[in-house]
Structures are given as C-alpha cells and as structure tokens.
Amino acid sequence: MSLLARLAPHLPYVRRYARALTGDQATGDNYVRVALEALAAGERQLPTDMTPRVALYHVFHAIWSATGAQLEDGAAAEGDDAAHRLMRISPRSRQAFLLTALEGFTPSEAAQILAVDPRTVERLIAEAQSDIDAELATDVLIIEDEAIISADIESLVKELGHRVTGTATTHDEAVDAVSRHKPGLVLADIQLADGSSGIDAVKDILKRFDVPVIFITAFPERLLTGERPEPTFLITKPFQPETVKAAISQALFFHPSRQKQAA
C-alpha cells in the first residue's frame, strides 16, 4: 500500500488538530504540508512501532517542534472563542489536551506522539484542565435522585471551582430550577426519583437554553438511540472522579455557544 493510501483516511483529522493547535487553518495546513513533504522526500519516516494514525501525528509534531513552532502566533478565527481560549493554554499542555479530548487518543498514544512518558501526558492534561476550569467557572445544575451520588458530584464540581446553584431529583424540580437560575452546565441522570426521565428534563431545558449537558447514568443504552438529545458526553456509573472532571472541562471548553458567566 502506498504512503498516500495509508495516510489519506487520517489527513482530515490531523488538519483539524493542526488548526486547533495553532489557532488558524492556514497555519495548521502549512505544518501538515511540510510533514507530508518530508515523508514523501524520505526526510522523515513513519515509525513502524506505531499505528499509521499515531505515526502521522508523531511526524507532524516532530516537524512542529523542529521549526520552533514559530508559526503558532497566527490569530485565531474571528469569533472562535474556543480557539482564543486554546491559545492561552501553554503549548505543551494544549497538545496533550487536544490529542486526548479532541482527537480521542489514549494517554499512552499521546505519549507516543509527543515522545514523552504517559505520566507526563497525564500531568499536562491536568494542567490544561486546571487552566480551563479557572477560566470557565460556571453555575451547575445537578439532576440526580440518589443523595450520595448527588453529593459526590457536587463535591467534584466544587473542586473544579464551579458553583452548584441547583439540585433536582425529578423532571419537574429540574425544570423549576432552571426557571429560577440559568445554569452554565447540566449534569443529569436519566432515571429519576418519581419515575420521571432525566432525558425529558434535559430536552425541556435545551428548548430554553443552549447549555452543555453531561449524562451520568447506569443505563447508557437508553441514551444512544439516534434521537436527540444524543449525548456528546456520557459517563457510565459507577464513575471515576477523574473521568467526570475531564468531561466537565471538555464540555465547557468545546461547547460552541459557551460564554463565561459573571461570578
């Protein structure tokens, strides 16, 4: 199989990543072009101990590092809040965060791409999440009928610097809570205390407000149906605290209309 045939399926994704990393599509494409030219000319080789996708990103990063990332100062697209926020995260943390949060690589794969150990990747991700959480602190509504789980989630939310301004155990309580205070983020179970549905509660909330939603549930199959609201962020119970924290950071960062609320 030719080099182009091996890499072609991955090129749209490495272009997406390059744009997010540099803040500008033209700048990102320039790095991708230089990486491909280096591969075609034999100046760079795809590591044989990596999958083609991981190897392509690895070569891209080698090119980016070799040039001193000197093209990185290109302005982010006008009105692209996420791109502007990315530019305020240190480059190394930005890489680790985007590789895992945007591109879906595991920390181990990201470590291969960046030529560091997995622990370093985890530290960089934590630093990026800390920067994001500090900048995007918001008001959170928790929809959860189990008191212990609700308290655990509330503790995690507060650890990240967010404010829990409402808790609900039923559909009606959730709808009432958002009528009194608009949340910046909703964390929702789907099976509630009175037999009502967290899915229905979220649908009613999204009719009024465009806010990011994270579903935390023991019944993920009830959500993955192809109908709205199809969750971008879905966490299965029992959950790991770090998984919830990472999802909160990503949901707030990448939500298209997310605006920082006043404290």
C-alpha atoms as a PDB file:
ATOM      1  CA  MET A   1       0.000   0.000   0.000  1.00  0.00           C
ATOM      2  CA  SER A   2       1.347   3.430  -0.935  1.00  0.00           C
ATOM      3  CA  LEU A   3       2.198   6.062   1.664  1.00  0.00           C
ATOM      4  CA  LEU A   4      -0.664   8.293   0.492  1.00  0.00           C
ATOM      5  CA  ALA A   5      -3.173   5.453   0.687  1.00  0.00           C
ATOM      6  CA  ARG A   6      -2.059   4.644   4.238  1.00  0.00           C
ATOM      7  CA  LEU A   7      -2.346   8.238   5.416  1.00  0.00           C
ATOM      8  CA  ALA A   8      -5.316   9.533   3.400  1.00  0.00           C
ATOM      9  CA  PRO A   9      -8.026   8.451   5.907  1.00  0.00           C
ATOM     10  CA  HIS A  10      -6.243  10.349   8.676  1.00  0.00           C
ATOM     11  CA  LEU A  11      -5.472  13.626   6.880  1.00  0.00           C
ATOM     12  CA  PRO A  12      -8.795  15.404   7.628  1.00  0.00           C
ATOM     13  CA  TYR A  13      -8.280  14.700  11.323  1.00  0.00           C
ATOM     14  CA  VAL A  14      -4.665  15.825  11.507  1.00  0.00           C
ATOM     15  CA  ARG A  15      -5.748  19.028   9.682  1.00  0.00           C
ATOM     16  CA  ARG A  16      -8.461  19.553  12.313  1.00  0.00           C
ATOM     17  CA  TYR A  17      -5.921  19.020  15.061  1.00  0.00           C
ATOM     18  CA  ALA A  18      -3.376  21.335  13.433  1.00  0.00           C
ATOM     19  CA  ARG A  19      -5.971  24.098  13.200  1.00  0.00           C
ATOM     20  CA  ALA A  20      -6.953  23.716  16.854  1.00  0.00           C
ATOM     21  CA  LEU A  21      -3.314  23.605  17.939  1.00  0.00           C
ATOM     22  CA  THR A  22      -2.193  26.686  16.012  1.00  0.00           C
ATOM     23  CA  GLY A  23      -5.439  28.673  16.053  1.00  0.00           C
ATOM     24  CA  ASP A  24      -5.548  29.104  12.295  1.00  0.00           C
ATOM     25  CA  GLN A  25      -6.370  26.698   9.441  1.00  0.00           C
ATOM     26  CA  ALA A  26      -3.809  28.113   7.005  1.00  0.00           C
ATOM     27  CA  THR A  27      -1.048  27.885   9.608  1.00  0.00           C
ATOM     28  CA  GLY A  28      -2.084  24.382  10.576  1.00  0.00           C
ATOM     29  CA  ASP A  29      -2.235  23.248   6.954  1.00  0.00           C
ATOM     30  CA  ASN A  30       1.261  24.593   6.396  1.00  0.00           C
ATOM     31  CA  TYR A  31       2.611  22.293   9.107  1.00  0.00           C
ATOM     32  CA  VAL A  32       0.694  19.333   7.672  1.00  0.00           C
ATOM     33  CA  ARG A  33       2.040  20.076   4.182  1.00  0.00           C
ATOM     34  CA  VAL A  34       5.638  20.275   5.431  1.00  0.00           C
ATOM     35  CA  ALA A  35       5.205  16.986   7.302  1.00  0.00           C
ATOM     36  CA  LEU A  36       3.840  15.234   4.206  1.00  0.00           C
ATOM     37  CA  GLU A  37       6.604  16.660   2.023  1.00  0.00           C
ATOM     38  CA  ALA A  38       9.218  15.411   4.488  1.00  0.00           C
ATOM     39  CA  LEU A  39       7.665  11.932   4.399  1.00  0.00           C
ATOM     40  CA  ALA A  40       7.469  11.912   0.597  1.00  0.00           C
ATOM     41  CA  ALA A  41      11.092  13.023   0.294  1.00  0.00           C
ATOM     42  CA  GLY A  42      12.281  10.411   2.762  1.00  0.00           C
ATOM     43  CA  GLU A  43      13.459  13.052   5.219  1.00  0.00           C
ATOM     44  CA  ARG A  44      11.100  11.602   7.816  1.00  0.00           C
ATOM     45  CA  GLN A  45       9.893   8.055   8.313  1.00  0.00           C
ATOM     46  CA  LEU A  46       6.684   6.756   9.846  1.00  0.00           C
ATOM     47  CA  PRO A  47       7.696   4.854  13.000  1.00  0.00           C
ATOM     48  CA  THR A  48       6.970   1.178  12.421  1.00  0.00           C
ATOM     49  CA  ASP A  49       6.071   0.536  16.073  1.00  0.00           C
ATOM     50  CA  MET A  50       3.069   2.899  15.852  1.00  0.00           C
ATOM     51  CA  THR A  51      -0.265   2.677  14.051  1.00  0.00           C
ATOM     52  CA  PRO A  52      -0.391   4.834  10.879  1.00  0.00           C
ATOM     53  CA  ARG A  53      -2.585   7.465  12.588  1.00  0.00           C
ATOM     54  CA  VAL A  54      -0.372   7.742  15.660  1.00  0.00           C
ATOM     55  CA  ALA A  55       2.726   7.772  13.446  1.00  0.00           C
ATOM     56  CA  LEU A  56       1.353  10.608  11.290  1.00  0.00           C
ATOM     57  CA  TYR A  57       0.640  12.784  14.319  1.00  0.00           C
ATOM     58  CA  HIS A  58       4.092  11.925  15.666  1.00  0.00           C
ATOM     59  CA  VAL A  59       5.765  13.126  12.465  1.00  0.00           C
ATOM     60  CA  PHE A  60       3.572  16.242  12.455  1.00  0.00           C
ATOM     61  CA  HIS A  61       4.793  17.059  15.966  1.00  0.00           C
ATOM     62  CA  ALA A  62       8.407  16.403  15.046  1.00  0.00           C
ATOM     63  CA  ILE A  63       8.078  18.966  12.230  1.00  0.00           C
ATOM     64  CA  TRP A  64       6.272  21.430  14.502  1.00  0.00           C
ATOM     65  CA  SER A  65       8.964  21.139  17.176  1.00  0.00           C
ATOM     66  CA  ALA A  66      11.841  21.300  14.684  1.00  0.00           C
ATOM     67  CA  THR A  67      10.601  24.654  13.363  1.00  0.00           C
ATOM     68  CA  GLY A  68      10.290  26.033  16.874  1.00  0.00           C
ATOM     69  CA  ALA A  69       6.522  26.318  16.435  1.00  0.00           C
ATOM     70  CA  GLN A  70       7.314  29.744  15.007  1.00  0.00           C
ATOM     71  CA  LEU A  71       4.076  29.950  13.023  1.00  0.00           C
ATOM     72  CA  GLU A  72       1.941  29.456  16.112  1.00  0.00           C
ATOM     73  CA  ASP A  73       1.244  33.143  16.687  1.00  0.00           C
ATOM     74  CA  GLY A  74      -1.292  33.325  13.837  1.00  0.00           C
ATOM     75  CA  ALA A  75      -4.559  34.878  15.046  1.00  0.00           C
ATOM     76  CA  ALA A  76      -7.463  32.592  15.821  1.00  0.00           C
ATOM     77  CA  ALA A  77     -10.515  32.909  13.645  1.00  0.00           C
ATOM     78  CA  GLU A  78     -12.748  35.855  14.422  1.00  0.00           C
ATOM     79  CA  GLY A  79     -15.463  34.896  16.871  1.00  0.00           C
ATOM     80  CA  ASP A  80     -13.939  31.472  17.613  1.00  0.00           C
ATOM     81  CA  ASP A  81     -13.934  31.591  21.408  1.00  0.00           C
ATOM     82  CA  ALA A  82     -12.565  28.063  21.812  1.00  0.00           C
ATOM     83  CA  ALA A  83      -9.576  28.874  19.580  1.00  0.00           C
ATOM     84  CA  HIS A  84      -8.802  32.009  21.566  1.00  0.00           C
ATOM     85  CA  ARG A  85      -9.023  30.068  24.829  1.00  0.00           C
ATOM     86  CA  LEU A  86      -6.705  27.403  23.432  1.00  0.00           C
ATOM     87  CA  MET A  87      -4.067  29.998  22.624  1.00  0.00           C
ATOM     88  CA  ARG A  88      -3.991  30.961  26.314  1.00  0.00           C
ATOM     89  CA  ILE A  89      -3.061  27.413  27.359  1.00  0.00           C
ATOM     90  CA  SER A  90       0.671  26.642  27.324  1.00  0.00           C
ATOM     91  CA  PRO A  91       1.650  24.851  24.085  1.00  0.00           C
ATOM     92  CA  ARG A  92       2.668  21.538  25.671  1.00  0.00           C
ATOM     93  CA  SER A  93      -0.484  21.290  27.796  1.00  0.00           C
ATOM     94  CA  ARG A  94      -2.541  22.320  24.771  1.00  0.00           C
ATOM     95  CA  GLN A  95      -1.094  19.442  22.763  1.00  0.00           C
ATOM     96  CA  ALA A  96      -1.852  16.803  25.396  1.00  0.00           C
ATOM     97  CA  PHE A  97      -5.349  18.158  25.982  1.00  0.00           C
ATOM     98  CA  LEU A  98      -6.263  18.285  22.292  1.00  0.00           C
ATOM     99  CA  LEU A  99      -4.789  14.884  21.465  1.00  0.00           C
ATOM    100  CA  THR A 100      -6.935  13.221  24.119  1.00  0.00           C
ATOM    101  CA  ALA A 101     -10.019  15.460  24.303  1.00  0.00           C
ATOM    102  CA  LEU A 102     -10.433  16.380  20.622  1.00  0.00           C
ATOM    103  CA  GLU A 103      -8.684  13.576  18.748  1.00  0.00           C
ATOM    104  CA  GLY A 104      -9.594  10.725  21.091  1.00  0.00           C
ATOM    105  CA  PHE A 105      -6.110   9.318  21.614  1.00  0.00           C
ATOM    106  CA  THR A 106      -5.390   7.472  24.839  1.00  0.00           C
ATOM    107  CA  PRO A 107      -2.758   8.995  27.161  1.00  0.00           C
ATOM    108  CA  SER A 108      -0.429   6.182  26.061  1.00  0.00           C
ATOM    109  CA  GLU A 109      -0.905   7.051  22.367  1.00  0.00           C
ATOM    110  CA  ALA A 110      -0.497  10.759  23.107  1.00  0.00           C
ATOM    111  CA  ALA A 111       2.759   9.924  24.890  1.00  0.00           C
ATOM    112  CA  GLN A 112       3.994   8.179  21.731  1.00  0.00           C
ATOM    113  CA  ILE A 113       3.031  11.171  19.606  1.00  0.00           C
ATOM    114  CA  LEU A 114       4.751  13.657  21.900  1.00  0.00           C
ATOM    115  CA  ALA A 115       7.715  11.353  22.642  1.00  0.00           C
ATOM    116  CA  VAL A 116       7.219  11.574  26.399  1.00  0.00           C
ATOM    117  CA  ASP A 117       6.078   9.110  29.061  1.00  0.00           C
ATOM    118  CA  PRO A 118       2.366   8.644  29.856  1.00  0.00           C
ATOM    119  CA  ARG A 119       2.758  10.243  33.285  1.00  0.00           C
ATOM    120  CA  THR A 120       3.945  13.447  31.668  1.00  0.00           C
ATOM    121  CA  VAL A 121       0.887  13.414  29.400  1.00  0.00           C
ATOM    122  CA  GLU A 122      -1.419  12.997  32.389  1.00  0.00           C
ATOM    123  CA  ARG A 123       0.293  15.908  34.155  1.00  0.00           C
ATOM    124  CA  LEU A 124      -0.049  18.113  31.068  1.00  0.00           C
ATOM    125  CA  ILE A 125      -3.737  17.222  30.708  1.00  0.00           C
ATOM    126  CA  ALA A 126      -4.319  18.095  34.370  1.00  0.00           C
ATOM    127  CA  GLU A 127      -2.585  21.459  33.872  1.00  0.00           C
ATOM    128  CA  ALA A 128      -4.765  22.213  30.835  1.00  0.00           C
ATOM    129  CA  GLN A 129      -7.925  21.234  32.701  1.00  0.00           C
ATOM    130  CA  SER A 130      -6.926  23.482  35.591  1.00  0.00           C
ATOM    131  CA  ASP A 131      -6.475  26.441  33.236  1.00  0.00           C
ATOM    132  CA  ILE A 132      -9.823  25.730  31.575  1.00  0.00           C
ATOM    133  CA  ASP A 133     -11.727  25.301  34.818  1.00  0.00           C
ATOM    134  CA  ALA A 134     -10.305  28.523  36.272  1.00  0.00           C
ATOM    135  CA  GLU A 135     -11.336  30.490  33.191  1.00  0.00           C
ATOM    136  CA  LEU A 136     -14.737  28.894  32.642  1.00  0.00           C
ATOM    137  CA  ALA A 137     -16.067  28.636  36.189  1.00  0.00           C
ATOM    138  CA  THR A 138     -19.832  28.433  35.903  1.00  0.00           C
ATOM    139  CA  ASP A 139     -23.132  27.611  37.604  1.00  0.00           C
ATOM    140  CA  VAL A 140     -24.055  23.930  37.575  1.00  0.00           C
ATOM    141  CA  LEU A 141     -27.388  22.134  37.851  1.00  0.00           C
ATOM    142  CA  ILE A 142     -27.236  18.535  39.090  1.00  0.00           C
ATOM    143  CA  ILE A 143     -30.176  16.255  38.209  1.00  0.00           C
ATOM    144  CA  GLU A 144     -29.724  13.132  40.316  1.00  0.00           C
ATOM    145  CA  ASP A 145     -32.119  11.283  42.627  1.00  0.00           C
ATOM    146  CA  GLU A 146     -29.540   9.338  44.676  1.00  0.00           C
ATOM    147  CA  ALA A 147     -28.435  11.601  47.516  1.00  0.00           C
ATOM    148  CA  ILE A 148     -24.972  10.074  47.973  1.00  0.00           C
ATOM    149  CA  ILE A 149     -24.150  10.251  44.261  1.00  0.00           C
ATOM    150  CA  SER A 150     -25.512  13.797  44.064  1.00  0.00           C
ATOM    151  CA  ALA A 151     -23.262  14.804  46.969  1.00  0.00           C
ATOM    152  CA  ASP A 152     -20.233  13.155  45.312  1.00  0.00           C
ATOM    153  CA  ILE A 153     -20.880  15.002  42.046  1.00  0.00           C
ATOM    154  CA  GLU A 154     -21.391  18.289  43.888  1.00  0.00           C
ATOM    155  CA  SER A 155     -18.042  17.821  45.629  1.00  0.00           C
ATOM    156  CA  LEU A 156     -16.277  17.183  42.305  1.00  0.00           C
ATOM    157  CA  VAL A 157     -17.898  20.237  40.741  1.00  0.00           C
ATOM    158  CA  LYS A 158     -16.799  22.471  43.610  1.00  0.00           C
ATOM    159  CA  GLU A 159     -13.250  21.075  43.495  1.00  0.00           C
ATOM    160  CA  LEU A 160     -13.041  22.396  39.942  1.00  0.00           C
ATOM    161  CA  GLY A 161     -14.102  25.867  41.069  1.00  0.00           C
ATOM    162  CA  HIS A 162     -17.673  25.760  39.767  1.00  0.00           C
ATOM    163  CA  ARG A 163     -20.820  26.660  41.695  1.00  0.00           C
ATOM    164  CA  VAL A 164     -23.726  24.289  42.259  1.00  0.00           C
ATOM    165  CA  THR A 165     -26.757  26.562  42.067  1.00  0.00           C
ATOM    166  CA  GLY A 166     -29.385  23.855  41.840  1.00  0.00           C
ATOM    167  CA  THR A 167     -30.042  20.177  42.528  1.00  0.00           C
ATOM    168  CA  ALA A 168     -33.086  18.231  41.360  1.00  0.00           C
ATOM    169  CA  THR A 169     -34.388  14.710  41.856  1.00  0.00           C
ATOM    170  CA  THR A 170     -37.310  14.844  39.394  1.00  0.00           C
ATOM    171  CA  HIS A 171     -38.177  16.267  35.981  1.00  0.00           C
ATOM    172  CA  ASP A 172     -40.384  18.988  37.483  1.00  0.00           C
ATOM    173  CA  GLU A 173     -37.735  20.036  40.010  1.00  0.00           C
ATOM    174  CA  ALA A 174     -35.168  20.329  37.208  1.00  0.00           C
ATOM    175  CA  VAL A 175     -37.418  22.487  35.041  1.00  0.00           C
ATOM    176  CA  ASP A 176     -38.287  24.651  38.051  1.00  0.00           C
ATOM    177  CA  ALA A 177     -34.600  25.034  38.932  1.00  0.00           C
ATOM    178  CA  VAL A 178     -33.655  26.413  35.501  1.00  0.00           C
ATOM    179  CA  SER A 179     -36.616  28.794  35.567  1.00  0.00           C
ATOM    180  CA  ARG A 180     -35.145  30.321  38.722  1.00  0.00           C
ATOM    181  CA  HIS A 181     -31.478  30.299  37.688  1.00  0.00           C
ATOM    182  CA  LYS A 182     -29.980  29.606  34.255  1.00  0.00           C
ATOM    183  CA  PRO A 183     -27.174  27.046  34.546  1.00  0.00           C
ATOM    184  CA  GLY A 184     -23.950  27.077  32.560  1.00  0.00           C
ATOM    185  CA  LEU A 185     -23.717  23.286  32.714  1.00  0.00           C
ATOM    186  CA  VAL A 186     -26.132  20.427  33.436  1.00  0.00           C
ATOM    187  CA  LEU A 187     -25.113  17.061  34.889  1.00  0.00           C
ATOM    188  CA  ALA A 188     -28.029  14.634  34.564  1.00  0.00           C
ATOM    189  CA  ASP A 189     -29.043  11.096  35.425  1.00  0.00           C
ATOM    190  CA  ILE A 190     -31.840   9.587  33.331  1.00  0.00           C
ATOM    191  CA  GLN A 191     -33.850   7.574  35.855  1.00  0.00           C
ATOM    192  CA  LEU A 192     -35.251   9.931  38.487  1.00  0.00           C
ATOM    193  CA  ALA A 193     -36.969   9.597  41.858  1.00  0.00           C
ATOM    194  CA  ASP A 194     -40.611   9.689  40.797  1.00  0.00           C
ATOM    195  CA  GLY A 195     -40.122   7.583  37.701  1.00  0.00           C
ATOM    196  CA  SER A 196     -39.694  10.657  35.521  1.00  0.00           C
ATOM    197  CA  SER A 197     -36.959  10.935  32.906  1.00  0.00           C
ATOM    198  CA  GLY A 198     -33.779  12.973  33.033  1.00  0.00           C
ATOM    199  CA  ILE A 199     -33.760  12.804  29.230  1.00  0.00           C
ATOM    200  CA  ASP A 200     -37.113  14.587  29.109  1.00  0.00           C
ATOM    201  CA  ALA A 201     -35.892  17.130  31.647  1.00  0.00           C
ATOM    202  CA  VAL A 202     -32.832  17.869  29.513  1.00  0.00           C
ATOM    203  CA  LYS A 203     -34.958  18.187  26.368  1.00  0.00           C
ATOM    204  CA  ASP A 204     -37.134  20.782  28.104  1.00  0.00           C
ATOM    205  CA  ILE A 205     -34.076  22.654  29.386  1.00  0.00           C
ATOM    206  CA  LEU A 206     -32.482  22.726  25.911  1.00  0.00           C
ATOM    207  CA  LYS A 207     -35.671  24.210  24.466  1.00  0.00           C
ATOM    208  CA  ARG A 208     -34.977  27.263  26.625  1.00  0.00           C
ATOM    209  CA  PHE A 209     -31.193  27.412  26.951  1.00  0.00           C
ATOM    210  CA  ASP A 210     -28.263  26.236  24.840  1.00  0.00           C
ATOM    211  CA  VAL A 211     -26.054  24.753  27.571  1.00  0.00           C
ATOM    212  CA  PRO A 212     -23.630  21.814  27.634  1.00  0.00           C
ATOM    213  CA  VAL A 213     -25.008  18.618  29.163  1.00  0.00           C
ATOM    214  CA  ILE A 214     -23.206  15.605  30.622  1.00  0.00           C
ATOM    215  CA  PHE A 215     -25.255  12.475  31.244  1.00  0.00           C
ATOM    216  CA  ILE A 216     -24.118  10.293  34.152  1.00  0.00           C
ATOM    217  CA  THR A 217     -26.113   7.078  34.154  1.00  0.00           C
ATOM    218  CA  ALA A 218     -26.169   3.353  34.805  1.00  0.00           C
ATOM    219  CA  PHE A 219     -28.285   2.918  31.653  1.00  0.00           C
ATOM    220  CA  PRO A 220     -26.276   4.324  28.714  1.00  0.00           C
ATOM    221  CA  GLU A 221     -28.223   2.194  26.234  1.00  0.00           C
ATOM    222  CA  ARG A 222     -31.287   4.372  26.882  1.00  0.00           C
ATOM    223  CA  LEU A 223     -29.423   7.371  25.521  1.00  0.00           C
ATOM    224  CA  LEU A 224     -27.634   6.016  22.466  1.00  0.00           C
ATOM    225  CA  THR A 225     -30.754   5.756  20.321  1.00  0.00           C
ATOM    226  CA  GLY A 226     -30.002   8.189  17.487  1.00  0.00           C
ATOM    227  CA  GLU A 227     -32.606  10.623  18.798  1.00  0.00           C
ATOM    228  CA  ARG A 228     -31.948  13.993  20.380  1.00  0.00           C
ATOM    229  CA  PRO A 229     -30.574  14.806  22.796  1.00  0.00           C
ATOM    230  CA  GLU A 230     -27.835  12.412  21.685  1.00  0.00           C
ATOM    231  CA  PRO A 231     -25.167  12.993  24.340  1.00  0.00           C
ATOM    232  CA  THR A 232     -21.753  14.290  23.424  1.00  0.00           C
ATOM    233  CA  PHE A 233     -20.642  13.485  26.955  1.00  0.00           C
ATOM    234  CA  LEU A 234     -21.821  10.251  28.526  1.00  0.00           C
ATOM    235  CA  ILE A 235     -20.388   8.761  31.724  1.00  0.00           C
ATOM    236  CA  THR A 236     -21.412   5.346  32.971  1.00  0.00           C
ATOM    237  CA  LYS A 237     -21.987   4.619  36.648  1.00  0.00           C
ATOM    238  CA  PRO A 238     -20.095   3.719  38.716  1.00  0.00           C
ATOM    239  CA  PHE A 239     -17.844   6.558  37.583  1.00  0.00           C
ATOM    240  CA  GLN A 240     -14.271   7.560  38.259  1.00  0.00           C
ATOM    241  CA  PRO A 241     -13.896  11.112  39.664  1.00  0.00           C
ATOM    242  CA  GLU A 242     -11.197  11.979  37.127  1.00  0.00           C
ATOM    243  CA  THR A 243     -13.496  10.938  34.285  1.00  0.00           C
ATOM    244  CA  VAL A 244     -16.180  13.340  35.489  1.00  0.00           C
ATOM    245  CA  LYS A 245     -13.661  16.164  35.921  1.00  0.00           C
ATOM    246  CA  ALA A 246     -12.255  15.654  32.422  1.00  0.00           C
ATOM    247  CA  ALA A 247     -15.743  15.584  30.891  1.00  0.00           C
ATOM    248  CA  ILE A 248     -16.701  18.829  32.637  1.00  0.00           C
ATOM    249  CA  SER A 249     -13.593  20.582  31.311  1.00  0.00           C
ATOM    250  CA  GLN A 250     -14.163  19.330  27.790  1.00  0.00           C
ATOM    251  CA  ALA A 251     -17.892  20.075  27.762  1.00  0.00           C
ATOM    252  CA  LEU A 252     -17.361  23.665  28.850  1.00  0.00           C
ATOM    253  CA  PHE A 253     -14.391  24.225  26.564  1.00  0.00           C
ATOM    254  CA  PHE A 254     -15.837  22.894  23.331  1.00  0.00           C
ATOM    255  CA  HIS A 255     -19.483  23.916  23.663  1.00  0.00           C
ATOM    256  CA  PRO A 256     -19.987  26.269  20.670  1.00  0.00           C
ATOM    257  CA  SER A 257     -22.018  28.980  22.362  1.00  0.00           C
ATOM    258  CA  ARG A 258     -20.426  28.768  25.801  1.00  0.00           C
ATOM    259  CA  GLN A 259     -19.945  32.192  27.363  1.00  0.00           C
ATOM    260  CA  LYS A 260     -18.294  32.805  30.675  1.00  0.00           C
ATOM    261  CA  GLN A 261     -20.832  33.823  33.298  1.00  0.00           C
ATOM    262  CA  ALA A 262     -20.192  36.520  35.832  1.00  0.00           C
ATOM    263  CA  ALA A 263     -19.366  35.296  39.291  1.00  0.00           C
END
